Amino acid sequence: MGFIRRQEEKFALQLLQWQYNKTGQSAPDPASLERQAKILVADAHRIARERGGNIIAILKEAVTKERPD
């Protein structure tokens, strides 16, 4: 996995943690959060390939629109 992909996953992890804190929910275990972050990044890349766009903007939109599971 490349450096940029790891940075995107770290950013997605921070966004997820922020969203959990904002909604007052307790965050799941770190392994579950990392799995969610990887899924978000993979989905963001797929969306960017299909429609174009900025990965970071797609991540922000995805996290703020949906509540994390």
PDB file of N, CA and C in Angstrom:
ATOM      1  N   MET A   1       0.860  -1.170   0.000  1.00  0.00           N
ATOM      2  CA  MET A   1       0.000   0.000   0.000  1.00  0.00           C
ATOM      3  C   MET A   1       0.902   1.228   0.000  1.00  0.00           C
ATOM      4  N   GLY A   2       0.503   2.208  -0.766  1.00  0.00           N
ATOM      5  CA  GLY A   2       1.306   3.401  -0.923  1.00  0.00           C
ATOM      6  C   GLY A   2       1.132   4.405   0.212  1.00  0.00           C
ATOM      7  N   PHE A   3       2.060   5.335   0.227  1.00  0.00           N
ATOM      8  CA  PHE A   3       2.076   6.374   1.249  1.00  0.00           C
ATOM      9  C   PHE A   3       0.791   7.200   1.226  1.00  0.00           C
ATOM     10  N   ILE A   4       0.362   7.604   0.055  1.00  0.00           N
ATOM     11  CA  ILE A   4      -0.827   8.461  -0.054  1.00  0.00           C
ATOM     12  C   ILE A   4      -2.072   7.710   0.423  1.00  0.00           C
ATOM     13  N   ARG A   5      -2.186   6.458   0.061  1.00  0.00           N
ATOM     14  CA  ARG A   5      -3.351   5.664   0.492  1.00  0.00           C
ATOM     15  C   ARG A   5      -3.382   5.561   2.021  1.00  0.00           C
ATOM     16  N   ARG A   6      -2.222   5.345   2.647  1.00  0.00           N
ATOM     17  CA  ARG A   6      -2.168   5.280   4.110  1.00  0.00           C
ATOM     18  C   ARG A   6      -2.584   6.611   4.725  1.00  0.00           C
ATOM     19  N   GLN A   7      -2.172   7.715   4.121  1.00  0.00           N
ATOM     20  CA  GLN A   7      -2.553   9.033   4.629  1.00  0.00           C
ATOM     21  C   GLN A   7      -4.057   9.258   4.489  1.00  0.00           C
ATOM     22  N   GLU A   8      -4.622   8.808   3.383  1.00  0.00           N
ATOM     23  CA  GLU A   8      -6.069   8.921   3.199  1.00  0.00           C
ATOM     24  C   GLU A   8      -6.809   8.111   4.254  1.00  0.00           C
ATOM     25  N   GLU A   9      -6.303   6.927   4.559  1.00  0.00           N
ATOM     26  CA  GLU A   9      -6.939   6.093   5.578  1.00  0.00           C
ATOM     27  C   GLU A   9      -6.819   6.728   6.966  1.00  0.00           C
ATOM     28  N   LYS A  10      -5.682   7.340   7.262  1.00  0.00           N
ATOM     29  CA  LYS A  10      -5.525   8.037   8.540  1.00  0.00           C
ATOM     30  C   LYS A  10      -6.506   9.197   8.634  1.00  0.00           C
ATOM     31  N   PHE A  11      -6.669   9.929   7.546  1.00  0.00           N
ATOM     32  CA  PHE A  11      -7.614  11.037   7.521  1.00  0.00           C
ATOM     33  C   PHE A  11      -9.040  10.532   7.720  1.00  0.00           C
ATOM     34  N   ALA A  12      -9.397   9.451   7.033  1.00  0.00           N
ATOM     35  CA  ALA A  12     -10.736   8.870   7.179  1.00  0.00           C
ATOM     36  C   ALA A  12     -10.956   8.405   8.619  1.00  0.00           C
ATOM     37  N   LEU A  13      -9.934   7.852   9.237  1.00  0.00           N
ATOM     38  CA  LEU A  13     -10.031   7.420  10.631  1.00  0.00           C
ATOM     39  C   LEU A  13     -10.298   8.607  11.550  1.00  0.00           C
ATOM     40  N   GLN A  14      -9.611   9.711  11.306  1.00  0.00           N
ATOM     41  CA  GLN A  14      -9.830  10.922  12.100  1.00  0.00           C
ATOM     42  C   GLN A  14     -11.247  11.458  11.894  1.00  0.00           C
ATOM     43  N   LEU A  15     -11.718  11.430  10.657  1.00  0.00           N
ATOM     44  CA  LEU A  15     -13.087  11.882  10.380  1.00  0.00           C
ATOM     45  C   LEU A  15     -14.118  11.014  11.096  1.00  0.00           C
ATOM     46  N   LEU A  16     -13.897   9.706  11.089  1.00  0.00           N
ATOM     47  CA  LEU A  16     -14.816   8.807  11.776  1.00  0.00           C
ATOM     48  C   LEU A  16     -14.826   9.065  13.278  1.00  0.00           C
ATOM     49  N   GLN A  17     -13.642   9.234  13.852  1.00  0.00           N
ATOM     50  CA  GLN A  17     -13.558   9.517  15.285  1.00  0.00           C
ATOM     51  C   GLN A  17     -14.250  10.835  15.611  1.00  0.00           C
ATOM     52  N   TRP A  18     -14.060  11.834  14.778  1.00  0.00           N
ATOM     53  CA  TRP A  18     -14.711  13.125  14.974  1.00  0.00           C
ATOM     54  C   TRP A  18     -16.229  12.967  14.933  1.00  0.00           C
ATOM     55  N   GLN A  19     -16.716  12.190  13.962  1.00  0.00           N
ATOM     56  CA  GLN A  19     -18.157  11.995  13.812  1.00  0.00           C
ATOM     57  C   GLN A  19     -18.736  11.275  15.032  1.00  0.00           C
ATOM     58  N   TYR A  20     -18.039  10.269  15.535  1.00  0.00           N
ATOM     59  CA  TYR A  20     -18.508   9.575  16.734  1.00  0.00           C
ATOM     60  C   TYR A  20     -18.565  10.537  17.913  1.00  0.00           C
ATOM     61  N   ASN A  21     -17.529  11.353  18.081  1.00  0.00           N
ATOM     62  CA  ASN A  21     -17.512  12.327  19.179  1.00  0.00           C
ATOM     63  C   ASN A  21     -18.626  13.354  19.024  1.00  0.00           C
ATOM     64  N   LYS A  22     -18.851  13.808  17.812  1.00  0.00           N
ATOM     65  CA  LYS A  22     -19.867  14.820  17.541  1.00  0.00           C
ATOM     66  C   LYS A  22     -21.271  14.313  17.873  1.00  0.00           C
ATOM     67  N   THR A  23     -21.525  13.040  17.571  1.00  0.00           N
ATOM     68  CA  THR A  23     -22.843  12.478  17.822  1.00  0.00           C
ATOM     69  C   THR A  23     -22.992  11.939  19.233  1.00  0.00           C
ATOM     70  N   GLY A  24     -21.909  11.947  20.006  1.00  0.00           N
ATOM     71  CA  GLY A  24     -21.968  11.486  21.384  1.00  0.00           C
ATOM     72  C   GLY A  24     -21.944   9.982  21.536  1.00  0.00           C
ATOM     73  N   GLN A  25     -21.628   9.287  20.474  1.00  0.00           N
ATOM     74  CA  GLN A  25     -21.555   7.832  20.526  1.00  0.00           C
ATOM     75  C   GLN A  25     -20.154   7.411  20.939  1.00  0.00           C
ATOM     76  N   SER A  26     -20.055   6.256  21.554  1.00  0.00           N
ATOM     77  CA  SER A  26     -18.725   5.736  21.848  1.00  0.00           C
ATOM     78  C   SER A  26     -18.200   5.050  20.598  1.00  0.00           C
ATOM     79  N   ALA A  27     -16.949   5.278  20.318  1.00  0.00           N
ATOM     80  CA  ALA A  27     -16.332   4.711  19.121  1.00  0.00           C
ATOM     81  C   ALA A  27     -16.094   3.218  19.322  1.00  0.00           C
ATOM     82  N   PRO A  28     -16.217   2.439  18.252  1.00  0.00           N
ATOM     83  CA  PRO A  28     -15.921   1.008  18.369  1.00  0.00           C
ATOM     84  C   PRO A  28     -14.425   0.786  18.566  1.00  0.00           C
ATOM     85  N   ASP A  29     -14.044  -0.456  18.683  1.00  0.00           N
ATOM     86  CA  ASP A  29     -12.639  -0.771  18.893  1.00  0.00           C
ATOM     87  C   ASP A  29     -11.794  -0.282  17.711  1.00  0.00           C
ATOM     88  N   PRO A  30     -10.498  -0.050  17.943  1.00  0.00           N
ATOM     89  CA  PRO A  30      -9.626   0.490  16.889  1.00  0.00           C
ATOM     90  C   PRO A  30      -9.606  -0.342  15.609  1.00  0.00           C
ATOM     91  N   ALA A  31      -9.653  -1.654  15.728  1.00  0.00           N
ATOM     92  CA  ALA A  31      -9.633  -2.498  14.526  1.00  0.00           C
ATOM     93  C   ALA A  31     -10.882  -2.264  13.676  1.00  0.00           C
ATOM     94  N   SER A  32     -12.014  -2.096  14.324  1.00  0.00           N
ATOM     95  CA  SER A  32     -13.253  -1.836  13.594  1.00  0.00           C
ATOM     96  C   SER A  32     -13.210  -0.465  12.918  1.00  0.00           C
ATOM     97  N   LEU A  33     -12.673   0.526  13.629  1.00  0.00           N
ATOM     98  CA  LEU A  33     -12.546   1.867  13.041  1.00  0.00           C
ATOM     99  C   LEU A  33     -11.621   1.837  11.828  1.00  0.00           C
ATOM    100  N   GLU A  34     -10.513   1.125  11.931  1.00  0.00           N
ATOM    101  CA  GLU A  34      -9.587   1.028  10.800  1.00  0.00           C
ATOM    102  C   GLU A  34     -10.259   0.356   9.608  1.00  0.00           C
ATOM    103  N   ARG A  35     -11.046  -0.673   9.879  1.00  0.00           N
ATOM    104  CA  ARG A  35     -11.762  -1.368   8.802  1.00  0.00           C
ATOM    105  C   ARG A  35     -12.752  -0.420   8.126  1.00  0.00           C
ATOM    106  N   GLN A  36     -13.473   0.362   8.922  1.00  0.00           N
ATOM    107  CA  GLN A  36     -14.414   1.333   8.361  1.00  0.00           C
ATOM    108  C   GLN A  36     -13.681   2.380   7.523  1.00  0.00           C
ATOM    109  N   ALA A  37     -12.521   2.825   8.007  1.00  0.00           N
ATOM    110  CA  ALA A  37     -11.739   3.827   7.276  1.00  0.00           C
ATOM    111  C   ALA A  37     -11.271   3.269   5.931  1.00  0.00           C
ATOM    112  N   LYS A  38     -10.823   2.030   5.919  1.00  0.00           N
ATOM    113  CA  LYS A  38     -10.365   1.415   4.665  1.00  0.00           C
ATOM    114  C   LYS A  38     -11.513   1.284   3.675  1.00  0.00           C
ATOM    115  N   ILE A  39     -12.681   0.919   4.181  1.00  0.00           N
ATOM    116  CA  ILE A  39     -13.854   0.799   3.308  1.00  0.00           C
ATOM    117  C   ILE A  39     -14.235   2.163   2.746  1.00  0.00           C
ATOM    118  N   LEU A  40     -14.215   3.198   3.589  1.00  0.00           N
ATOM    119  CA  LEU A  40     -14.530   4.557   3.127  1.00  0.00           C
ATOM    120  C   LEU A  40     -13.575   5.009   2.035  1.00  0.00           C
ATOM    121  N   VAL A  41     -12.288   4.759   2.226  1.00  0.00           N
ATOM    122  CA  VAL A  41     -11.291   5.179   1.232  1.00  0.00           C
ATOM    123  C   VAL A  41     -11.482   4.406  -0.071  1.00  0.00           C
ATOM    124  N   ALA A  42     -11.733   3.120   0.017  1.00  0.00           N
ATOM    125  CA  ALA A  42     -11.959   2.326  -1.190  1.00  0.00           C
ATOM    126  C   ALA A  42     -13.195   2.832  -1.936  1.00  0.00           C
ATOM    127  N   ASP A  43     -14.260   3.120  -1.194  1.00  0.00           N
ATOM    128  CA  ASP A  43     -15.471   3.661  -1.823  1.00  0.00           C
ATOM    129  C   ASP A  43     -15.213   5.027  -2.446  1.00  0.00           C
ATOM    130  N   ALA A  44     -14.446   5.864  -1.758  1.00  0.00           N
ATOM    131  CA  ALA A  44     -14.128   7.197  -2.287  1.00  0.00           C
ATOM    132  C   ALA A  44     -13.339   7.084  -3.588  1.00  0.00           C
ATOM    133  N   HIS A  45     -12.411   6.144  -3.661  1.00  0.00           N
ATOM    134  CA  HIS A  45     -11.638   5.945  -4.895  1.00  0.00           C
ATOM    135  C   HIS A  45     -12.544   5.455  -6.021  1.00  0.00           C
ATOM    136  N   ARG A  46     -13.465   4.562  -5.692  1.00  0.00           N
ATOM    137  CA  ARG A  46     -14.389   4.065  -6.709  1.00  0.00           C
ATOM    138  C   ARG A  46     -15.260   5.201  -7.236  1.00  0.00           C
ATOM    139  N   ILE A  47     -15.778   6.024  -6.332  1.00  0.00           N
ATOM    140  CA  ILE A  47     -16.621   7.156  -6.734  1.00  0.00           C
ATOM    141  C   ILE A  47     -15.822   8.141  -7.580  1.00  0.00           C
ATOM    142  N   ALA A  48     -14.582   8.404  -7.185  1.00  0.00           N
ATOM    143  CA  ALA A  48     -13.739   9.334  -7.941  1.00  0.00           C
ATOM    144  C   ALA A  48     -13.464   8.803  -9.343  1.00  0.00           C
ATOM    145  N   ARG A  49     -13.284   7.493  -9.465  1.00  0.00           N
ATOM    146  CA  ARG A  49     -13.063   6.909 -10.802  1.00  0.00           C
ATOM    147  C   ARG A  49     -14.309   7.038 -11.664  1.00  0.00           C
ATOM    148  N   GLU A  50     -15.476   6.809 -11.056  1.00  0.00           N
ATOM    149  CA  GLU A  50     -16.724   6.826 -11.824  1.00  0.00           C
ATOM    150  C   GLU A  50     -17.173   8.237 -12.184  1.00  0.00           C
ATOM    151  N   ARG A  51     -17.117   9.149 -11.205  1.00  0.00           N
ATOM    152  CA  ARG A  51     -17.669  10.496 -11.407  1.00  0.00           C
ATOM    153  C   ARG A  51     -16.626  11.589 -11.438  1.00  0.00           C
ATOM    154  N   GLY A  52     -15.427  11.267 -11.040  1.00  0.00           N
ATOM    155  CA  GLY A  52     -14.408  12.298 -10.903  1.00  0.00           C
ATOM    156  C   GLY A  52     -14.559  12.967  -9.552  1.00  0.00           C
ATOM    157  N   GLY A  53     -13.611  13.758  -9.191  1.00  0.00           N
ATOM    158  CA  GLY A  53     -13.702  14.476  -7.927  1.00  0.00           C
ATOM    159  C   GLY A  53     -12.493  14.254  -7.061  1.00  0.00           C
ATOM    160  N   ASN A  54     -12.496  14.956  -5.966  1.00  0.00           N
ATOM    161  CA  ASN A  54     -11.399  14.935  -5.017  1.00  0.00           C
ATOM    162  C   ASN A  54     -11.689  13.884  -3.949  1.00  0.00           C
ATOM    163  N   ILE A  55     -10.722  13.018  -3.690  1.00  0.00           N
ATOM    164  CA  ILE A  55     -10.893  11.940  -2.713  1.00  0.00           C
ATOM    165  C   ILE A  55     -11.226  12.500  -1.333  1.00  0.00           C
ATOM    166  N   ILE A  56     -10.523  13.530  -0.918  1.00  0.00           N
ATOM    167  CA  ILE A  56     -10.727  14.108   0.411  1.00  0.00           C
ATOM    168  C   ILE A  56     -12.144  14.680   0.528  1.00  0.00           C
ATOM    169  N   ALA A  57     -12.595  15.374  -0.490  1.00  0.00           N
ATOM    170  CA  ALA A  57     -13.951  15.936  -0.472  1.00  0.00           C
ATOM    171  C   ALA A  57     -14.996  14.828  -0.414  1.00  0.00           C
ATOM    172  N   ILE A  58     -14.759  13.748  -1.126  1.00  0.00           N
ATOM    173  CA  ILE A  58     -15.683  12.619  -1.122  1.00  0.00           C
ATOM    174  C   ILE A  58     -15.719  11.987   0.263  1.00  0.00           C
ATOM    175  N   LEU A  59     -14.548  11.840   0.901  1.00  0.00           N
ATOM    176  CA  LEU A  59     -14.486  11.280   2.251  1.00  0.00           C
ATOM    177  C   LEU A  59     -15.261  12.140   3.240  1.00  0.00           C
ATOM    178  N   LYS A  60     -15.027  13.447   3.182  1.00  0.00           N
ATOM    179  CA  LYS A  60     -15.729  14.360   4.096  1.00  0.00           C
ATOM    180  C   LYS A  60     -17.235  14.249   3.915  1.00  0.00           C
ATOM    181  N   GLU A  61     -17.666  14.229   2.674  1.00  0.00           N
ATOM    182  CA  GLU A  61     -19.096  14.136   2.388  1.00  0.00           C
ATOM    183  C   GLU A  61     -19.672  12.817   2.900  1.00  0.00           C
ATOM    184  N   ALA A  62     -18.948  11.733   2.673  1.00  0.00           N
ATOM    185  CA  ALA A  62     -19.441  10.419   3.090  1.00  0.00           C
ATOM    186  C   ALA A  62     -19.560  10.310   4.608  1.00  0.00           C
ATOM    187  N   VAL A  63     -18.597  10.850   5.320  1.00  0.00           N
ATOM    188  CA  VAL A  63     -18.622  10.738   6.784  1.00  0.00           C
ATOM    189  C   VAL A  63     -19.692  11.637   7.384  1.00  0.00           C
ATOM    190  N   THR A  64     -19.864  12.824   6.860  1.00  0.00           N
ATOM    191  CA  THR A  64     -20.838  13.738   7.439  1.00  0.00           C
ATOM    192  C   THR A  64     -22.275  13.394   7.060  1.00  0.00           C
ATOM    193  N   LYS A  65     -22.484  12.726   5.933  1.00  0.00           N
ATOM    194  CA  LYS A  65     -23.828  12.334   5.516  1.00  0.00           C
ATOM    195  C   LYS A  65     -24.310  11.097   6.261  1.00  0.00           C
ATOM    196  N   GLU A  66     -23.406  10.159   6.487  1.00  0.00           N
ATOM    197  CA  GLU A  66     -23.787   8.887   7.080  1.00  0.00           C
ATOM    198  C   GLU A  66     -23.276   8.807   8.503  1.00  0.00           C
ATOM    199  N   ARG A  67     -24.049   8.190   9.332  1.00  0.00           N
ATOM    200  CA  ARG A  67     -23.577   7.894  10.680  1.00  0.00           C
ATOM    201  C   ARG A  67     -22.743   6.630  10.614  1.00  0.00           C
ATOM    202  N   PRO A  68     -21.598   6.605  11.285  1.00  0.00           N
ATOM    203  CA  PRO A  68     -20.800   5.378  11.295  1.00  0.00           C
ATOM    204  C   PRO A  68     -21.523   4.248  12.024  1.00  0.00           C
ATOM    205  N   ASP A  69     -21.309   3.031  11.561  1.00  0.00           N
ATOM    206  CA  ASP A  69     -21.938   1.852  12.197  1.00  0.00           C
ATOM    207  C   ASP A  69     -21.135   1.384  13.382  1.00  0.00           C
TER     208      ASP A  69
END
